[in-house]
Protein backbone atom coordinates (compact mmCIF):
# COMPACT_ATOMS: atom_id res chain seq x y z
CA MET A 1 -0.01 0.06 0.08
CA LYS A 2 1.37 3.38 -0.89
CA LEU A 3 0.63 6.65 1.02
CA THR A 4 -0.66 9.73 -0.36
CA PRO A 5 1.20 13.02 0.20
CA GLU A 6 -1.36 13.95 2.68
CA GLN A 7 -0.85 10.76 4.57
CA ARG A 8 3.04 10.86 4.70
CA ILE A 9 4.52 12.63 7.78
CA GLN A 10 6.09 15.91 6.72
CA LEU A 11 9.59 16.34 8.18
CA HIS A 12 11.70 19.20 9.02
CA GLU A 13 14.93 18.55 6.83
CA PHE A 14 16.59 15.21 7.24
CA ASN A 15 15.26 12.13 9.06
CA ASN A 16 17.64 11.84 12.00
CA LEU A 17 16.27 8.57 13.43
CA THR A 18 18.94 5.73 13.74
CA LYS A 19 17.64 2.14 13.44
CA SER A 20 19.80 -0.74 14.25
CA LEU A 21 19.62 -4.43 13.45
CA SER A 22 21.61 -6.82 15.10
CA PHE A 23 21.36 -10.48 13.62
CA ASN A 24 23.18 -13.27 15.47
CA MET A 25 23.12 -16.78 14.18
CA TYR A 26 24.67 -20.08 15.36
CA ASP A 27 25.51 -23.22 13.56
CA ILE A 28 26.34 -26.30 15.68
CA CYS A 29 28.20 -29.55 14.83
CA TYR A 30 29.32 -32.56 16.55
CA THR A 31 33.11 -33.16 16.07
CA LYS A 32 34.39 -36.23 17.85
CA THR A 33 37.93 -36.10 16.99
CA LYS A 34 40.50 -33.47 16.58
CA GLU A 35 40.52 -34.16 13.06
CA GLU A 36 37.12 -33.65 12.50
CA ARG A 37 37.12 -30.37 14.50
CA GLU A 38 39.96 -28.89 12.41
CA ALA A 39 38.16 -30.11 9.35
CA TYR A 40 35.05 -28.36 10.45
CA ILE A 41 36.65 -25.08 11.37
CA GLU A 42 38.39 -25.30 8.10
CA TYR A 43 35.27 -25.54 6.21
CA ILE A 44 33.65 -22.63 7.86
CA ASP A 45 36.65 -20.39 7.38
CA GLU A 46 36.21 -21.26 3.71
CA GLN A 47 32.73 -21.13 3.47
CA TYR A 48 32.42 -17.76 5.31
CA ASN A 49 35.43 -16.02 4.59
CA ALA A 50 35.90 -12.28 4.26
CA ASP A 51 35.46 -12.45 0.57
CA ARG A 52 32.18 -14.25 0.87
CA LEU A 53 31.00 -12.23 3.80
CA THR A 54 31.74 -9.04 1.89
CA LYS A 55 29.48 -10.30 -0.99
CA ILE A 56 26.67 -10.85 1.46
CA LEU A 57 26.95 -7.43 2.97
CA GLU A 58 27.04 -5.95 -0.68
CA SER A 59 23.87 -7.65 -1.29
CA VAL A 60 22.41 -6.05 2.06
CA THR A 61 23.62 -2.62 0.84
CA ASP A 62 21.73 -3.14 -2.39
CA ILE A 63 18.66 -4.15 -0.69
CA ILE A 64 18.57 -0.83 1.54
CA GLY A 65 19.47 1.30 -1.32
CA ALA A 66 22.76 2.51 -0.24
CA HIS A 67 26.22 3.43 -1.84
CA VAL A 68 29.40 1.80 -0.65
CA LEU A 69 31.99 4.37 0.55
CA ASN A 70 34.54 1.90 2.04
CA ILE A 71 35.11 -1.72 2.76
CA ALA A 72 37.49 -3.18 5.34
CA LYS A 73 37.77 -6.79 5.59
CA GLN A 74 40.10 -9.34 7.27
CA ASP A 75 40.66 -12.97 7.84
CA TYR A 76 41.96 -13.97 11.13
CA VAL A 77 44.41 -16.69 12.38
CA PRO A 78 43.62 -19.22 13.41
CA GLN A 79 39.95 -18.68 12.52
CA GLY A 80 37.26 -16.05 11.93
CA ALA A 81 36.76 -13.08 9.85
CA SER A 82 35.39 -9.47 9.91
CA VAL A 83 33.99 -7.06 7.37
CA THR A 84 32.85 -3.47 7.81
CA ILE A 85 31.03 -1.46 5.08
CA LEU A 86 30.63 2.29 5.25
CA VAL A 87 27.59 3.33 3.20
CA SER A 88 25.95 6.58 2.17
CA GLU A 89 22.64 7.73 0.77
CA GLY A 90 21.94 6.22 -2.54
CA PRO A 91 20.09 7.87 -5.46
CA VAL A 92 16.49 8.26 -4.96
CA VAL A 93 14.50 7.97 -8.34
CA GLU A 94 11.32 9.18 -6.90
CA VAL A 95 9.84 10.44 -3.55
CA PRO A 96 9.61 7.53 -0.99
CA ASN A 97 6.21 6.55 -0.59
CA GLU A 98 6.55 3.09 1.44
CA SER A 99 3.96 2.57 4.00
CA TYR A 100 6.13 0.52 6.35
CA ASP A 101 3.68 -2.32 6.66
CA GLU A 102 5.25 -5.13 8.68
CA SER A 103 6.15 -7.76 6.26
CA PRO A 104 9.26 -9.76 5.07
CA GLY A 105 11.68 -7.76 3.03
CA PRO A 106 12.87 -8.66 -0.25
CA LEU A 107 15.69 -11.08 -1.28
CA PRO A 108 18.35 -8.93 -3.18
CA SER A 109 16.53 -8.25 -6.38
CA ALA A 110 15.81 -4.35 -6.14
CA VAL A 111 17.05 -1.09 -4.54
CA VAL A 112 14.45 0.13 -2.17
CA MET A 113 15.55 3.69 -1.30
CA GLY A 114 18.41 5.73 -0.15
CA LEU A 115 20.19 6.03 3.43
CA ASP A 116 22.90 8.10 5.06
CA LYS A 117 25.33 7.82 7.91
CA SER A 118 25.22 4.18 7.92
CA HIS A 119 27.30 0.89 8.27
CA ILE A 120 27.12 -2.69 8.26
CA THR A 121 29.40 -5.14 9.94
CA VAL A 122 29.83 -8.78 10.33
CA HIS A 123 32.10 -10.85 12.58
CA THR A 124 32.41 -14.44 12.77
CA TYR A 125 33.58 -16.91 15.62
CA PRO A 126 34.31 -20.58 15.17
CA GLU A 127 34.89 -22.34 18.39
CA TYR A 128 34.87 -25.80 19.89
CA HIS A 129 34.04 -27.29 23.26
CA PRO A 130 37.41 -28.43 24.91
CA ASN A 131 35.84 -31.98 26.10
CA GLU A 132 32.44 -32.71 24.80
CA GLY A 133 32.95 -32.84 21.03
CA ILE A 134 30.68 -29.86 20.15
CA SER A 135 31.74 -27.14 17.55
CA THR A 136 29.95 -24.09 16.90
CA PHE A 137 29.94 -21.19 14.38
CA ARG A 138 28.59 -17.92 15.43
CA ALA A 139 28.11 -14.83 12.93
CA ASP A 140 27.06 -11.48 14.29
CA ILE A 141 25.81 -8.91 11.82
CA ASP A 142 24.76 -5.12 12.54
CA VAL A 143 23.06 -3.08 10.12
CA SER A 144 22.61 0.38 11.27
CA THR A 145 20.84 3.01 9.18
CA CYS A 146 19.84 6.55 9.45
CA GLY A 147 16.90 7.78 7.48
CA GLU A 148 13.57 6.52 6.57
CA ILE A 149 13.92 2.82 5.89
CA SER A 150 14.33 0.23 8.55
CA PRO A 151 17.25 -2.39 8.25
CA LEU A 152 14.56 -5.04 8.95
CA LYS A 153 13.99 -5.07 4.96
CA ALA A 154 17.34 -6.79 4.88
CA LEU A 155 16.30 -9.41 7.56
CA ASN A 156 14.79 -12.06 4.99
CA TYR A 157 17.94 -11.96 2.89
CA LEU A 158 20.22 -12.46 6.02
CA ILE A 159 18.07 -15.40 7.24
CA HIS A 160 18.52 -16.99 3.95
CA SER A 161 22.35 -16.47 3.72
CA PHE A 162 23.23 -18.72 6.61
CA ASP A 163 22.50 -22.29 7.67
CA THR A 164 21.59 -21.67 11.17
CA ASP A 165 20.06 -23.59 14.11
CA ILE A 166 19.65 -20.72 16.27
CA MET A 167 18.98 -17.02 15.60
CA THR A 168 18.73 -13.93 17.97
CA MET A 169 17.59 -10.63 16.43
CA ASP A 170 17.43 -7.26 18.10
CA TYR A 171 15.96 -4.10 16.66
CA ARG A 172 16.11 -0.48 18.04
CA VAL A 173 15.07 2.78 16.93
CA ARG A 174 17.25 5.67 18.53
CA GLY A 175 17.13 9.39 18.58
CA PHE A 176 14.44 11.49 17.20
CA THR A 177 13.38 13.47 14.25
CA ARG A 178 11.11 16.58 13.97
CA ASP A 179 7.97 17.25 11.94
CA ILE A 180 7.59 20.71 10.33
CA ASN A 181 6.00 22.14 13.42
CA GLY A 182 9.13 21.03 15.48
CA HIS A 183 7.31 18.13 17.29
CA LYS A 184 9.59 15.23 17.92
CA LEU A 185 8.98 11.88 16.50
CA PHE A 186 10.82 8.97 18.28
CA ILE A 187 9.73 6.24 15.63
CA ASP A 188 8.55 6.79 12.18
CA HIS A 189 6.95 3.36 11.50
CA ASP A 190 4.60 0.89 13.26
CA ILE A 191 6.23 -2.26 14.54
CA SER A 192 4.81 -4.75 16.93
CA SER A 193 7.49 -7.88 16.52
CA ILE A 194 10.51 -8.69 14.54
CA GLN A 195 8.55 -11.82 13.63
CA ASN A 196 6.44 -9.80 11.16
CA TYR A 197 9.41 -9.24 9.11
CA ILE A 198 10.12 -13.01 8.89
CA PRO A 199 8.39 -15.24 6.21
CA GLU A 200 5.98 -17.86 7.39
CA GLU A 201 7.75 -20.74 5.97
CA VAL A 202 10.77 -19.71 7.99
CA LYS A 203 8.68 -19.21 11.36
CA ASN A 204 7.26 -22.63 10.80
CA GLU A 205 10.72 -24.02 11.33
CA PHE A 206 11.65 -22.30 14.53
CA ASP A 207 10.43 -22.16 17.87
CA MET A 208 10.40 -18.44 18.55
CA ILE A 209 10.24 -16.06 21.76
CA ASP A 210 9.77 -12.45 21.84
CA VAL A 211 11.01 -9.96 24.40
CA ASN A 212 9.82 -6.44 23.49
CA ILE A 213 10.08 -3.08 25.25
CA TYR A 214 7.45 -1.15 23.24
CA GLN A 215 7.93 2.09 25.12
CA GLU A 216 11.62 2.17 24.49
CA ASN A 217 11.25 0.97 20.77
CA ILE A 218 13.43 -2.04 21.54
CA PHE A 219 12.43 -5.49 19.99
CA HIS A 220 14.01 -8.90 20.53
CA THR A 221 13.30 -12.07 18.96
CA LYS A 222 15.15 -15.44 19.32
CA CYS A 223 14.43 -18.67 17.30
CA LYS A 224 15.60 -22.26 17.71
CA LEU A 225 15.25 -24.88 14.90
CA LYS A 226 12.35 -27.16 15.52
CA LYS A 227 13.32 -30.36 13.55
CA PHE A 228 16.23 -32.24 14.70
CA ASP A 229 17.90 -34.75 12.30
CA LEU A 230 21.27 -35.96 13.71
CA ASN A 231 22.71 -36.50 10.21
CA ASN A 232 22.72 -32.61 9.96
CA TYR A 233 24.85 -32.35 12.92
CA LEU A 234 27.58 -34.96 12.03
CA PHE A 235 30.65 -33.65 9.94
CA GLY A 236 31.80 -36.07 7.37
CA TYR A 237 29.54 -39.22 7.99
CA SER A 238 26.07 -40.35 8.72
CA LYS A 239 24.30 -41.59 11.78
CA ASP A 240 24.10 -45.03 10.51
CA LYS A 241 27.83 -45.42 11.21
CA LEU A 242 27.17 -44.96 15.04
CA SER A 243 25.61 -47.41 17.50
CA LYS A 244 22.28 -46.75 18.90
CA GLU A 245 23.67 -45.57 22.34
CA GLU A 246 26.19 -43.25 20.56
CA GLN A 247 23.43 -41.62 18.54
CA GLU A 248 21.43 -41.02 21.99
CA GLN A 249 24.71 -39.73 23.50
CA ILE A 250 25.48 -37.34 20.79
CA THR A 251 21.84 -36.22 20.50
CA ASP A 252 21.84 -35.33 24.22
CA LYS A 253 25.03 -33.24 23.98
CA LEU A 254 23.73 -31.44 20.80
CA THR A 255 20.30 -30.75 22.40
CA LYS A 256 21.85 -29.44 25.71
CA GLU A 257 24.32 -27.13 23.51
CA MET A 258 21.31 -25.86 21.81
CA ASN A 259 19.21 -25.21 24.77
CA GLU A 260 22.03 -23.40 26.43
CA ILE A 261 22.47 -21.04 23.60
CA PHE A 262 18.83 -20.38 23.27
CA TYR A 263 18.14 -19.76 26.82
CA GLY A 264 21.42 -18.05 27.49
CA LYS A 265 22.35 -20.07 30.58
CA ASN A 266 24.20 -23.14 31.34
CA ILE A 267 22.19 -26.40 32.26
CA GLU A 268 23.62 -28.36 35.11
CA GLU A 269 23.66 -32.13 34.68
CA ASN A 270 21.33 -34.16 36.84
CA LYS A 271 23.05 -36.06 39.42
């Protein structure tokens, strides 16, 4: 739905609201031996190296309609990578008339509108448990924009860019802008939940919890994959190579790891 000029809020000069999306994902794997662990981390470092991450962030930049000003990227030793992109306002072909309806954003196919004073960053953190045979890969992406569009429009694409077992997402609108009468506006679009920007087919795959502080324009959603198939968590072999007892033990370890990450606390073993 498009807004008429009469329906759109008339601002005094530039929109100074800052909108920040933090997207955090986890991939979990069972790596029984040192060789498996090293192979998994090597795979992750290759799959999500600085060059690949840069391409993902450049697609995000296209979605939010910005120009790239500068790219800084780095692969780390022994593992991990970081990319930071500074972006500025892109060309606007016509006056923005987006209604800001809560809906999933596009995959990278078209520029939406321009932004200014913005940045996009990603950092990766491959790591492993010293004793339990669990390896995890975490990626943190931050999209911070200043202007009329919300970075939530890039969320759909980010979700589809990673294989993830757990996701946590935070969205916050900071600062204020003014209308033509000097009245402060602390948010310029309606939002009730980050979930409304996630496609139904994705939501059906995850258990989700919201923690929202509406009066502070702070929104938080975390997601954990519903379906558990042990084959998806074994690196280099399938569960038919394991005994029934081994399958149960590994499943328990993986489930415990996922629950601890999802709920943000260590789970003590029953004694």
